[in-house]
Amino acid sequence: MNLPQSGAGVMTLPPSVNISKAAALRDAGAFMLDVREPFEYAEYHMPGAVLIPLGELTGRLNEVPKDRPVVVVCRSGNRSQVGRDILKRAGFTAVTSMDGGMRAWRNAGLPVTQ
């Protein structure tokens, strides 16, 4: 999958994507940001996803790359929307939220690490 671009190489992403588009973005090198709590992440998570709990995100923005697309994930899709909005306000342009969260990812049979 080619990552979406618009003019001058600037990445554009919709506000949210379904799990199949999130998987394609992941496979293309997107940064997968898990904003759940540590106990949720420990139960199961997307391979390669980086955990920054939503409550810590504002203080840890320097850990999120600005040079690649970011897909924000949570349990069901609600916290990831908040995380996406925090990143947008902080100047991140290539950021989206995964609809359905890790529940939908796991239920679709996509890979998880336990």
PDB file of N, CA and C in Angstrom:
ATOM      1  N   MET A   1       0.845  -1.182   0.000  1.00  0.00           N
ATOM      2  CA  MET A   1       0.000   0.000   0.000  1.00  0.00           C
ATOM      3  C   MET A   1       0.882   1.232   0.000  1.00  0.00           C
ATOM      4  N   ASN A   2       0.567   2.154  -0.859  1.00  0.00           N
ATOM      5  CA  ASN A   2       1.245   3.442  -0.819  1.00  0.00           C
ATOM      6  C   ASN A   2       0.545   4.302   0.210  1.00  0.00           C
ATOM      7  N   LEU A   3       1.326   4.984   1.021  1.00  0.00           N
ATOM      8  CA  LEU A   3       0.725   5.855   2.021  1.00  0.00           C
ATOM      9  C   LEU A   3       0.125   7.064   1.324  1.00  0.00           C
ATOM     10  N   PRO A   4      -1.057   7.532   1.746  1.00  0.00           N
ATOM     11  CA  PRO A   4      -1.730   8.640   1.081  1.00  0.00           C
ATOM     12  C   PRO A   4      -0.948   9.938   1.202  1.00  0.00           C
ATOM     13  N   GLN A   5      -0.868  10.662   0.093  1.00  0.00           N
ATOM     14  CA  GLN A   5      -0.137  11.928   0.057  1.00  0.00           C
ATOM     15  C   GLN A   5      -1.015  12.970  -0.625  1.00  0.00           C
ATOM     16  N   SER A   6      -0.764  14.218  -0.325  1.00  0.00           N
ATOM     17  CA  SER A   6      -1.405  15.293  -1.067  1.00  0.00           C
ATOM     18  C   SER A   6      -0.421  16.433  -1.174  1.00  0.00           C
ATOM     19  N   GLY A   7      -0.125  16.845  -2.365  1.00  0.00           N
ATOM     20  CA  GLY A   7       0.765  17.973  -2.609  1.00  0.00           C
ATOM     21  C   GLY A   7       2.026  17.997  -1.774  1.00  0.00           C
ATOM     22  N   ALA A   8       3.142  18.237  -2.347  1.00  0.00           N
ATOM     23  CA  ALA A   8       4.436  18.441  -1.677  1.00  0.00           C
ATOM     24  C   ALA A   8       4.771  17.338  -0.682  1.00  0.00           C
ATOM     25  N   GLY A   9       4.230  16.141  -0.884  1.00  0.00           N
ATOM     26  CA  GLY A   9       4.587  15.025  -0.024  1.00  0.00           C
ATOM     27  C   GLY A   9       3.960  15.054   1.357  1.00  0.00           C
ATOM     28  N   VAL A  10       2.988  15.914   1.579  1.00  0.00           N
ATOM     29  CA  VAL A  10       2.342  16.002   2.888  1.00  0.00           C
ATOM     30  C   VAL A  10       1.316  14.879   3.002  1.00  0.00           C
ATOM     31  N   MET A  11       1.425  14.112   4.055  1.00  0.00           N
ATOM     32  CA  MET A  11       0.539  12.978   4.287  1.00  0.00           C
ATOM     33  C   MET A  11      -0.855  13.464   4.669  1.00  0.00           C
ATOM     34  N   THR A  12      -1.865  12.833   4.093  1.00  0.00           N
ATOM     35  CA  THR A  12      -3.241  13.123   4.478  1.00  0.00           C
ATOM     36  C   THR A  12      -3.922  11.817   4.863  1.00  0.00           C
ATOM     37  N   LEU A  13      -4.644  11.845   5.941  1.00  0.00           N
ATOM     38  CA  LEU A  13      -5.387  10.679   6.401  1.00  0.00           C
ATOM     39  C   LEU A  13      -6.771  11.126   6.833  1.00  0.00           C
ATOM     40  N   PRO A  14      -7.778  10.267   6.686  1.00  0.00           N
ATOM     41  CA  PRO A  14      -9.104  10.604   7.202  1.00  0.00           C
ATOM     42  C   PRO A  14      -9.075  10.601   8.731  1.00  0.00           C
ATOM     43  N   PRO A  15     -10.090  11.183   9.370  1.00  0.00           N
ATOM     44  CA  PRO A  15     -10.114  11.207  10.837  1.00  0.00           C
ATOM     45  C   PRO A  15     -10.068   9.819  11.464  1.00  0.00           C
ATOM     46  N   SER A  16     -10.687   8.835  10.794  1.00  0.00           N
ATOM     47  CA  SER A  16     -10.644   7.471  11.315  1.00  0.00           C
ATOM     48  C   SER A  16     -10.593   6.488  10.151  1.00  0.00           C
ATOM     49  N   VAL A  17     -10.093   5.294  10.458  1.00  0.00           N
ATOM     50  CA  VAL A  17     -10.004   4.229   9.453  1.00  0.00           C
ATOM     51  C   VAL A  17     -10.522   2.930  10.054  1.00  0.00           C
ATOM     52  N   ASN A  18     -11.008   2.045   9.189  1.00  0.00           N
ATOM     53  CA  ASN A  18     -11.445   0.740   9.671  1.00  0.00           C
ATOM     54  C   ASN A  18     -10.224  -0.142   9.915  1.00  0.00           C
ATOM     55  N   ILE A  19     -10.437  -1.321  10.467  1.00  0.00           N
ATOM     56  CA  ILE A  19      -9.291  -2.148  10.845  1.00  0.00           C
ATOM     57  C   ILE A  19      -8.488  -2.625   9.645  1.00  0.00           C
ATOM     58  N   SER A  20      -9.135  -2.857   8.509  1.00  0.00           N
ATOM     59  CA  SER A  20      -8.363  -3.308   7.345  1.00  0.00           C
ATOM     60  C   SER A  20      -7.450  -2.202   6.835  1.00  0.00           C
ATOM     61  N   LYS A  21      -7.924  -0.961   6.844  1.00  0.00           N
ATOM     62  CA  LYS A  21      -7.064   0.160   6.437  1.00  0.00           C
ATOM     63  C   LYS A  21      -5.966   0.392   7.470  1.00  0.00           C
ATOM     64  N   ALA A  22      -6.297   0.219   8.751  1.00  0.00           N
ATOM     65  CA  ALA A  22      -5.276   0.360   9.795  1.00  0.00           C
ATOM     66  C   ALA A  22      -4.193  -0.700   9.621  1.00  0.00           C
ATOM     67  N   ALA A  23      -4.598  -1.921   9.297  1.00  0.00           N
ATOM     68  CA  ALA A  23      -3.623  -2.993   9.076  1.00  0.00           C
ATOM     69  C   ALA A  23      -2.728  -2.673   7.887  1.00  0.00           C
ATOM     70  N   ALA A  24      -3.318  -2.126   6.824  1.00  0.00           N
ATOM     71  CA  ALA A  24      -2.529  -1.762   5.646  1.00  0.00           C
ATOM     72  C   ALA A  24      -1.555  -0.632   5.972  1.00  0.00           C
ATOM     73  N   LEU A  25      -2.002   0.353   6.752  1.00  0.00           N
ATOM     74  CA  LEU A  25      -1.108   1.440   7.169  1.00  0.00           C
ATOM     75  C   LEU A  25       0.027   0.892   8.025  1.00  0.00           C
ATOM     76  N   ARG A  26      -0.301  -0.008   8.935  1.00  0.00           N
ATOM     77  CA  ARG A  26       0.722  -0.642   9.784  1.00  0.00           C
ATOM     78  C   ARG A  26       1.753  -1.355   8.920  1.00  0.00           C
ATOM     79  N   ASP A  27       1.273  -2.129   7.960  1.00  0.00           N
ATOM     80  CA  ASP A  27       2.173  -2.876   7.085  1.00  0.00           C
ATOM     81  C   ASP A  27       3.041  -1.954   6.230  1.00  0.00           C
ATOM     82  N   ALA A  28       2.541  -0.743   5.967  1.00  0.00           N
ATOM     83  CA  ALA A  28       3.281   0.226   5.156  1.00  0.00           C
ATOM     84  C   ALA A  28       4.229   1.080   5.998  1.00  0.00           C
ATOM     85  N   GLY A  29       4.272   0.836   7.310  1.00  0.00           N
ATOM     86  CA  GLY A  29       5.234   1.533   8.156  1.00  0.00           C
ATOM     87  C   GLY A  29       4.683   2.606   9.066  1.00  0.00           C
ATOM     88  N   ALA A  30       3.360   2.678   9.212  1.00  0.00           N
ATOM     89  CA  ALA A  30       2.785   3.671  10.122  1.00  0.00           C
ATOM     90  C   ALA A  30       3.186   3.363  11.566  1.00  0.00           C
ATOM     91  N   PHE A  31       3.225   4.403  12.385  1.00  0.00           N
ATOM     92  CA  PHE A  31       3.488   4.288  13.820  1.00  0.00           C
ATOM     93  C   PHE A  31       2.167   3.958  14.486  1.00  0.00           C
ATOM     94  N   MET A  32       2.097   2.821  15.148  1.00  0.00           N
ATOM     95  CA  MET A  32       0.870   2.384  15.802  1.00  0.00           C
ATOM     96  C   MET A  32       0.952   2.765  17.279  1.00  0.00           C
ATOM     97  N   LEU A  33       0.104   3.699  17.678  1.00  0.00           N
ATOM     98  CA  LEU A  33       0.116   4.252  19.031  1.00  0.00           C
ATOM     99  C   LEU A  33      -1.066   3.709  19.817  1.00  0.00           C
ATOM    100  N   ASP A  34      -0.789   2.949  20.851  1.00  0.00           N
ATOM    101  CA  ASP A  34      -1.814   2.363  21.710  1.00  0.00           C
ATOM    102  C   ASP A  34      -1.967   3.263  22.930  1.00  0.00           C
ATOM    103  N   VAL A  35      -3.159   3.838  23.114  1.00  0.00           N
ATOM    104  CA  VAL A  35      -3.380   4.783  24.214  1.00  0.00           C
ATOM    105  C   VAL A  35      -4.159   4.161  25.376  1.00  0.00           C
ATOM    106  N   ARG A  36      -4.224   2.836  25.418  1.00  0.00           N
ATOM    107  CA  ARG A  36      -4.896   2.173  26.536  1.00  0.00           C
ATOM    108  C   ARG A  36      -4.015   2.222  27.780  1.00  0.00           C
ATOM    109  N   GLU A  37      -4.525   1.686  28.856  1.00  0.00           N
ATOM    110  CA  GLU A  37      -3.771   1.605  30.103  1.00  0.00           C
ATOM    111  C   GLU A  37      -2.812   0.413  30.045  1.00  0.00           C
ATOM    112  N   PRO A  38      -1.738   0.450  30.838  1.00  0.00           N
ATOM    113  CA  PRO A  38      -0.762  -0.650  30.802  1.00  0.00           C
ATOM    114  C   PRO A  38      -1.369  -2.034  31.027  1.00  0.00           C
ATOM    115  N   PHE A  39      -2.346  -2.164  31.925  1.00  0.00           N
ATOM    116  CA  PHE A  39      -2.932  -3.484  32.172  1.00  0.00           C
ATOM    117  C   PHE A  39      -3.682  -3.990  30.939  1.00  0.00           C
ATOM    118  N   GLU A  40      -4.292  -3.085  30.179  1.00  0.00           N
ATOM    119  CA  GLU A  40      -4.986  -3.488  28.953  1.00  0.00           C
ATOM    120  C   GLU A  40      -3.982  -3.932  27.885  1.00  0.00           C
ATOM    121  N   TYR A  41      -2.912  -3.161  27.756  1.00  0.00           N
ATOM    122  CA  TYR A  41      -1.855  -3.468  26.797  1.00  0.00           C
ATOM    123  C   TYR A  41      -1.219  -4.814  27.125  1.00  0.00           C
ATOM    124  N   ALA A  42      -1.000  -5.087  28.416  1.00  0.00           N
ATOM    125  CA  ALA A  42      -0.379  -6.346  28.842  1.00  0.00           C
ATOM    126  C   ALA A  42      -1.266  -7.545  28.516  1.00  0.00           C
ATOM    127  N   GLU A  43      -2.574  -7.348  28.546  1.00  0.00           N
ATOM    128  CA  GLU A  43      -3.501  -8.440  28.244  1.00  0.00           C
ATOM    129  C   GLU A  43      -3.326  -8.901  26.793  1.00  0.00           C
ATOM    130  N   TYR A  44      -3.330  -7.966  25.871  1.00  0.00           N
ATOM    131  CA  TYR A  44      -3.034  -8.228  24.456  1.00  0.00           C
ATOM    132  C   TYR A  44      -2.871  -6.893  23.753  1.00  0.00           C
ATOM    133  N   HIS A  45      -2.029  -6.887  22.730  1.00  0.00           N
ATOM    134  CA  HIS A  45      -1.813  -5.671  21.949  1.00  0.00           C
ATOM    135  C   HIS A  45      -1.375  -6.026  20.538  1.00  0.00           C
ATOM    136  N   MET A  46      -1.418  -5.050  19.696  1.00  0.00           N
ATOM    137  CA  MET A  46      -0.990  -5.201  18.316  1.00  0.00           C
ATOM    138  C   MET A  46       0.531  -5.315  18.287  1.00  0.00           C
ATOM    139  N   PRO A  47       1.080  -6.301  17.599  1.00  0.00           N
ATOM    140  CA  PRO A  47       2.540  -6.398  17.515  1.00  0.00           C
ATOM    141  C   PRO A  47       3.141  -5.099  16.963  1.00  0.00           C
ATOM    142  N   GLY A  48       4.135  -4.596  17.652  1.00  0.00           N
ATOM    143  CA  GLY A  48       4.806  -3.377  17.217  1.00  0.00           C
ATOM    144  C   GLY A  48       4.184  -2.088  17.705  1.00  0.00           C
ATOM    145  N   ALA A  49       2.996  -2.164  18.304  1.00  0.00           N
ATOM    146  CA  ALA A  49       2.355  -0.946  18.805  1.00  0.00           C
ATOM    147  C   ALA A  49       3.118  -0.418  20.012  1.00  0.00           C
ATOM    148  N   VAL A  50       3.186   0.897  20.106  1.00  0.00           N
ATOM    149  CA  VAL A  50       3.868   1.558  21.214  1.00  0.00           C
ATOM    150  C   VAL A  50       2.816   2.049  22.199  1.00  0.00           C
ATOM    151  N   LEU A  51       2.998   1.731  23.466  1.00  0.00           N
ATOM    152  CA  LEU A  51       2.055   2.136  24.510  1.00  0.00           C
ATOM    153  C   LEU A  51       2.423   3.497  25.072  1.00  0.00           C
ATOM    154  N   ILE A  52       1.496   4.437  24.949  1.00  0.00           N
ATOM    155  CA  ILE A  52       1.549   5.702  25.680  1.00  0.00           C
ATOM    156  C   ILE A  52       0.118   5.934  26.159  1.00  0.00           C
ATOM    157  N   PRO A  53      -0.175   5.647  27.424  1.00  0.00           N
ATOM    158  CA  PRO A  53      -1.540   5.818  27.917  1.00  0.00           C
ATOM    159  C   PRO A  53      -2.067   7.226  27.644  1.00  0.00           C
ATOM    160  N   LEU A  54      -3.340   7.315  27.344  1.00  0.00           N
ATOM    161  CA  LEU A  54      -3.951   8.590  26.982  1.00  0.00           C
ATOM    162  C   LEU A  54      -3.639   9.686  27.995  1.00  0.00           C
ATOM    163  N   GLY A  55      -3.689   9.364  29.276  1.00  0.00           N
ATOM    164  CA  GLY A  55      -3.425  10.357  30.313  1.00  0.00           C
ATOM    165  C   GLY A  55      -1.999  10.875  30.326  1.00  0.00           C
ATOM    166  N   GLU A  56      -1.088  10.176  29.647  1.00  0.00           N
ATOM    167  CA  GLU A  56       0.319  10.584  29.591  1.00  0.00           C
ATOM    168  C   GLU A  56       0.708  11.182  28.244  1.00  0.00           C
ATOM    169  N   LEU A  57      -0.187  11.136  27.281  1.00  0.00           N
ATOM    170  CA  LEU A  57       0.166  11.491  25.910  1.00  0.00           C
ATOM    171  C   LEU A  57       0.690  12.915  25.774  1.00  0.00           C
ATOM    172  N   THR A  58       0.026  13.878  26.374  1.00  0.00           N
ATOM    173  CA  THR A  58       0.452  15.275  26.241  1.00  0.00           C
ATOM    174  C   THR A  58       1.885  15.470  26.710  1.00  0.00           C
ATOM    175  N   GLY A  59       2.289  14.787  27.761  1.00  0.00           N
ATOM    176  CA  GLY A  59       3.646  14.921  28.278  1.00  0.00           C
ATOM    177  C   GLY A  59       4.680  14.070  27.562  1.00  0.00           C
ATOM    178  N   ARG A  60       4.230  13.244  26.629  1.00  0.00           N
ATOM    179  CA  ARG A  60       5.157  12.335  25.937  1.00  0.00           C
ATOM    180  C   ARG A  60       5.088  12.476  24.416  1.00  0.00           C
ATOM    181  N   LEU A  61       4.654  13.631  23.948  1.00  0.00           N
ATOM    182  CA  LEU A  61       4.516  13.858  22.509  1.00  0.00           C
ATOM    183  C   LEU A  61       5.825  13.662  21.762  1.00  0.00           C
ATOM    184  N   ASN A  62       6.944  13.916  22.440  1.00  0.00           N
ATOM    185  CA  ASN A  62       8.251  13.764  21.792  1.00  0.00           C
ATOM    186  C   ASN A  62       8.551  12.313  21.418  1.00  0.00           C
ATOM    187  N   GLU A  63       7.785  11.366  21.938  1.00  0.00           N
ATOM    188  CA  GLU A  63       7.990   9.954  21.622  1.00  0.00           C
ATOM    189  C   GLU A  63       7.223   9.514  20.371  1.00  0.00           C
ATOM    190  N   VAL A  64       6.409  10.412  19.838  1.00  0.00           N
ATOM    191  CA  VAL A  64       5.604  10.099  18.657  1.00  0.00           C
ATOM    192  C   VAL A  64       6.256  10.765  17.446  1.00  0.00           C
ATOM    193  N   PRO A  65       6.617   9.984  16.425  1.00  0.00           N
ATOM    194  CA  PRO A  65       7.287  10.574  15.266  1.00  0.00           C
ATOM    195  C   PRO A  65       6.354  11.444  14.433  1.00  0.00           C
ATOM    196  N   LYS A  66       6.912  12.532  13.912  1.00  0.00           N
ATOM    197  CA  LYS A  66       6.136  13.394  13.021  1.00  0.00           C
ATOM    198  C   LYS A  66       6.431  13.094  11.560  1.00  0.00           C
ATOM    199  N   ASP A  67       7.395  12.211  11.306  1.00  0.00           N
ATOM    200  CA  ASP A  67       7.805  11.943   9.932  1.00  0.00           C
ATOM    201  C   ASP A  67       7.165  10.687   9.334  1.00  0.00           C
ATOM    202  N   ARG A  68       6.188  10.121  10.003  1.00  0.00           N
ATOM    203  CA  ARG A  68       5.448   8.982   9.462  1.00  0.00           C
ATOM    204  C   ARG A  68       4.014   9.038   9.968  1.00  0.00           C
ATOM    205  N   PRO A  69       3.096   8.402   9.274  1.00  0.00           N
ATOM    206  CA  PRO A  69       1.705   8.437   9.725  1.00  0.00           C
ATOM    207  C   PRO A  69       1.548   7.745  11.074  1.00  0.00           C
ATOM    208  N   VAL A  70       0.571   8.218  11.830  1.00  0.00           N
ATOM    209  CA  VAL A  70       0.290   7.675  13.158  1.00  0.00           C
ATOM    210  C   VAL A  70      -1.148   7.156  13.168  1.00  0.00           C
ATOM    211  N   VAL A  71      -1.312   5.908  13.587  1.00  0.00           N
ATOM    212  CA  VAL A  71      -2.638   5.328  13.777  1.00  0.00           C
ATOM    213  C   VAL A  71      -2.808   5.128  15.277  1.00  0.00           C
ATOM    214  N   VAL A  72      -3.801   5.807  15.855  1.00  0.00           N
ATOM    215  CA  VAL A  72      -4.045   5.733  17.293  1.00  0.00           C
ATOM    216  C   VAL A  72      -5.085   4.645  17.548  1.00  0.00           C
ATOM    217  N   VAL A  73      -4.772   3.746  18.492  1.00  0.00           N
ATOM    218  CA  VAL A  73      -5.682   2.644  18.809  1.00  0.00           C
ATOM    219  C   VAL A  73      -5.960   2.604  20.315  1.00  0.00           C
ATOM    220  N   CYS A  74      -7.125   2.072  20.659  1.00  0.00           N
ATOM    221  CA  CYS A  74      -7.480   1.866  22.069  1.00  0.00           C
ATOM    222  C   CYS A  74      -8.299   0.581  22.148  1.00  0.00           C
ATOM    223  N   ARG A  75      -9.123   0.432  23.141  1.00  0.00           N
ATOM    224  CA  ARG A  75      -9.912  -0.790  23.311  1.00  0.00           C
ATOM    225  C   ARG A  75     -11.065  -0.857  22.312  1.00  0.00           C
ATOM    226  N   SER A  76     -11.851   0.242  22.220  1.00  0.00           N
ATOM    227  CA  SER A  76     -13.051   0.201  21.381  1.00  0.00           C
ATOM    228  C   SER A  76     -13.145   1.329  20.360  1.00  0.00           C
ATOM    229  N   GLY A  77     -12.231   2.286  20.410  1.00  0.00           N
ATOM    230  CA  GLY A  77     -12.241   3.373  19.440  1.00  0.00           C
ATOM    231  C   GLY A  77     -12.549   4.743  20.002  1.00  0.00           C
ATOM    232  N   ASN A  78     -12.937   4.834  21.268  1.00  0.00           N
ATOM    233  CA  ASN A  78     -13.270   6.138  21.846  1.00  0.00           C
ATOM    234  C   ASN A  78     -12.039   6.918  22.283  1.00  0.00           C
ATOM    235  N   ARG A  79     -11.186   6.305  23.085  1.00  0.00           N
ATOM    236  CA  ARG A  79      -9.972   7.000  23.547  1.00  0.00           C
ATOM    237  C   ARG A  79      -9.046   7.331  22.390  1.00  0.00           C
ATOM    238  N   SER A  80      -9.048   6.492  21.361  1.00  0.00           N
ATOM    239  CA  SER A  80      -8.166   6.772  20.223  1.00  0.00           C
ATOM    240  C   SER A  80      -8.576   8.059  19.521  1.00  0.00           C
ATOM    241  N   GLN A  81      -9.863   8.376  19.505  1.00  0.00           N
ATOM    242  CA  GLN A  81     -10.310   9.641  18.915  1.00  0.00           C
ATOM    243  C   GLN A  81      -9.794  10.821  19.727  1.00  0.00           C
ATOM    244  N   VAL A  82      -9.814  10.701  21.034  1.00  0.00           N
ATOM    245  CA  VAL A  82      -9.280  11.761  21.900  1.00  0.00           C
ATOM    246  C   VAL A  82      -7.780  11.895  21.671  1.00  0.00           C
ATOM    247  N   GLY A  83      -7.076  10.764  21.603  1.00  0.00           N
ATOM    248  CA  GLY A  83      -5.642  10.781  21.342  1.00  0.00           C
ATOM    249  C   GLY A  83      -5.316  11.424  20.008  1.00  0.00           C
ATOM    250  N   ARG A  84      -6.086  11.070  18.982  1.00  0.00           N
ATOM    251  CA  ARG A  84      -5.911  11.688  17.665  1.00  0.00           C
ATOM    252  C   ARG A  84      -6.054  13.201  17.758  1.00  0.00           C
ATOM    253  N   ASP A  85      -7.079  13.660  18.463  1.00  0.00           N
ATOM    254  CA  ASP A  85      -7.308  15.100  18.581  1.00  0.00           C
ATOM    255  C   ASP A  85      -6.176  15.794  19.333  1.00  0.00           C
ATOM    256  N   ILE A  86      -5.627  15.151  20.355  1.00  0.00           N
ATOM    257  CA  ILE A  86      -4.478  15.711  21.079  1.00  0.00           C
ATOM    258  C   ILE A  86      -3.303  15.874  20.121  1.00  0.00           C
ATOM    259  N   LEU A  87      -3.035  14.848  19.321  1.00  0.00           N
ATOM    260  CA  LEU A  87      -1.921  14.918  18.370  1.00  0.00           C
ATOM    261  C   LEU A  87      -2.161  15.995  17.319  1.00  0.00           C
ATOM    262  N   LYS A  88      -3.375  16.099  16.809  1.00  0.00           N
ATOM    263  CA  LYS A  88      -3.699  17.136  15.816  1.00  0.00           C
ATOM    264  C   LYS A  88      -3.446  18.523  16.396  1.00  0.00           C
ATOM    265  N   ARG A  89      -3.898  18.757  17.617  1.00  0.00           N
ATOM    266  CA  ARG A  89      -3.691  20.071  18.250  1.00  0.00           C
ATOM    267  C   ARG A  89      -2.214  20.355  18.478  1.00  0.00           C
ATOM    268  N   ALA A  90      -1.415  19.300  18.610  1.00  0.00           N
ATOM    269  CA  ALA A  90       0.025  19.457  18.832  1.00  0.00           C
ATOM    270  C   ALA A  90       0.795  19.599  17.516  1.00  0.00           C
ATOM    271  N   GLY A  91       0.089  19.630  16.399  1.00  0.00           N
ATOM    272  CA  GLY A  91       0.743  19.863  15.122  1.00  0.00           C
ATOM    273  C   GLY A  91       0.989  18.637  14.270  1.00  0.00           C
ATOM    274  N   PHE A  92       0.551  17.473  14.718  1.00  0.00           N
ATOM    275  CA  PHE A  92       0.680  16.270  13.899  1.00  0.00           C
ATOM    276  C   PHE A  92      -0.369  16.336  12.789  1.00  0.00           C
ATOM    277  N   THR A  93       0.039  16.080  11.575  1.00  0.00           N
ATOM    278  CA  THR A  93      -0.900  16.173  10.454  1.00  0.00           C
ATOM    279  C   THR A  93      -1.336  14.809   9.935  1.00  0.00           C
ATOM    280  N   ALA A  94      -0.462  13.837   9.961  1.00  0.00           N
ATOM    281  CA  ALA A  94      -0.761  12.504   9.430  1.00  0.00           C
ATOM    282  C   ALA A  94      -1.145  11.578  10.571  1.00  0.00           C
ATOM    283  N   VAL A  95      -2.344  11.783  11.094  1.00  0.00           N
ATOM    284  CA  VAL A  95      -2.793  10.998  12.242  1.00  0.00           C
ATOM    285  C   VAL A  95      -4.250  10.592  12.044  1.00  0.00           C
ATOM    286  N   THR A  96      -4.573   9.370  12.440  1.00  0.00           N
ATOM    287  CA  THR A  96      -5.932   8.862  12.322  1.00  0.00           C
ATOM    288  C   THR A  96      -6.230   7.949  13.511  1.00  0.00           C
ATOM    289  N   SER A  97      -7.487   7.671  13.711  1.00  0.00           N
ATOM    290  CA  SER A  97      -7.952   6.787  14.780  1.00  0.00           C
ATOM    291  C   SER A  97      -8.490   5.507  14.152  1.00  0.00           C
ATOM    292  N   MET A  98      -8.245   4.362  14.803  1.00  0.00           N
ATOM    293  CA  MET A  98      -8.748   3.091  14.287  1.00  0.00           C
ATOM    294  C   MET A  98     -10.129   2.798  14.866  1.00  0.00           C
ATOM    295  N   ASP A  99     -11.117   2.726  13.989  1.00  0.00           N
ATOM    296  CA  ASP A  99     -12.481   2.398  14.402  1.00  0.00           C
ATOM    297  C   ASP A  99     -12.542   1.001  15.017  1.00  0.00           C
ATOM    298  N   GLY A 100     -13.314   0.863  16.080  1.00  0.00           N
ATOM    299  CA  GLY A 100     -13.535  -0.447  16.688  1.00  0.00           C
ATOM    300  C   GLY A 100     -12.473  -0.889  17.667  1.00  0.00           C
ATOM    301  N   GLY A 101     -11.317  -0.240  17.632  1.00  0.00           N
ATOM    302  CA  GLY A 101     -10.256  -0.518  18.587  1.00  0.00           C
ATOM    303  C   GLY A 101      -9.709  -1.933  18.523  1.00  0.00           C
ATOM    304  N   MET A 102      -8.962  -2.273  19.567  1.00  0.00           N
ATOM    305  CA  MET A 102      -8.310  -3.577  19.635  1.00  0.00           C
ATOM    306  C   MET A 102      -9.314  -4.723  19.744  1.00  0.00           C
ATOM    307  N   ARG A 103     -10.504  -4.443  20.246  1.00  0.00           N
ATOM    308  CA  ARG A 103     -11.540  -5.484  20.265  1.00  0.00           C
ATOM    309  C   ARG A 103     -11.839  -5.946  18.839  1.00  0.00           C
ATOM    310  N   ALA A 104     -12.083  -4.976  17.949  1.00  0.00           N
ATOM    311  CA  ALA A 104     -12.390  -5.308  16.554  1.00  0.00           C
ATOM    312  C   ALA A 104     -11.191  -5.955  15.875  1.00  0.00           C
ATOM    313  N   TRP A 105      -9.987  -5.455  16.168  1.00  0.00           N
ATOM    314  CA  TRP A 105      -8.761  -6.012  15.585  1.00  0.00           C
ATOM    315  C   TRP A 105      -8.642  -7.500  15.944  1.00  0.00           C
ATOM    316  N   ARG A 106      -8.776  -7.796  17.235  1.00  0.00           N
ATOM    317  CA  ARG A 106      -8.653  -9.184  17.697  1.00  0.00           C
ATOM    318  C   ARG A 106      -9.796 -10.047  17.163  1.00  0.00           C
ATOM    319  N   ASN A 107     -11.017  -9.519  17.183  1.00  0.00           N
ATOM    320  CA  ASN A 107     -12.172 -10.284  16.699  1.00  0.00           C
ATOM    321  C   ASN A 107     -12.072 -10.606  15.213  1.00  0.00           C
ATOM    322  N   ALA A 108     -11.331  -9.781  14.466  1.00  0.00           N
ATOM    323  CA  ALA A 108     -11.140 -10.020  13.034  1.00  0.00           C
ATOM    324  C   ALA A 108     -10.039 -11.047  12.777  1.00  0.00           C
ATOM    325  N   GLY A 109      -9.409 -11.521  13.845  1.00  0.00           N
ATOM    326  CA  GLY A 109      -8.361 -12.520  13.695  1.00  0.00           C
ATOM    327  C   GLY A 109      -7.017 -11.942  13.303  1.00  0.00           C
ATOM    328  N   LEU A 110      -6.867 -10.629  13.443  1.00  0.00           N
ATOM    329  CA  LEU A 110      -5.586  -9.998  13.139  1.00  0.00           C
ATOM    330  C   LEU A 110      -4.610 -10.276  14.278  1.00  0.00           C
ATOM    331  N   PRO A 111      -3.308 -10.187  14.015  1.00  0.00           N
ATOM    332  CA  PRO A 111      -2.326 -10.619  15.019  1.00  0.00           C
ATOM    333  C   PRO A 111      -2.329  -9.772  16.291  1.00  0.00           C
ATOM    334  N   VAL A 112      -2.200 -10.467  17.409  1.00  0.00           N
ATOM    335  CA  VAL A 112      -2.038  -9.807  18.707  1.00  0.00           C
ATOM    336  C   VAL A 112      -0.906 -10.496  19.455  1.00  0.00           C
ATOM    337  N   THR A 113      -0.277  -9.735  20.332  1.00  0.00           N
ATOM    338  CA  THR A 113       0.748 -10.262  21.222  1.00  0.00           C
ATOM    339  C   THR A 113       0.145 -10.316  22.612  1.00  0.00           C
ATOM    340  N   GLN A 114       0.323 -11.450  23.297  1.00  0.00           N
ATOM    341  CA  GLN A 114      -0.236 -11.583  24.646  1.00  0.00           C
ATOM    342  C   GLN A 114       0.860 -11.762  25.654  1.00  0.00           C
TER     343      GLN A 114
END
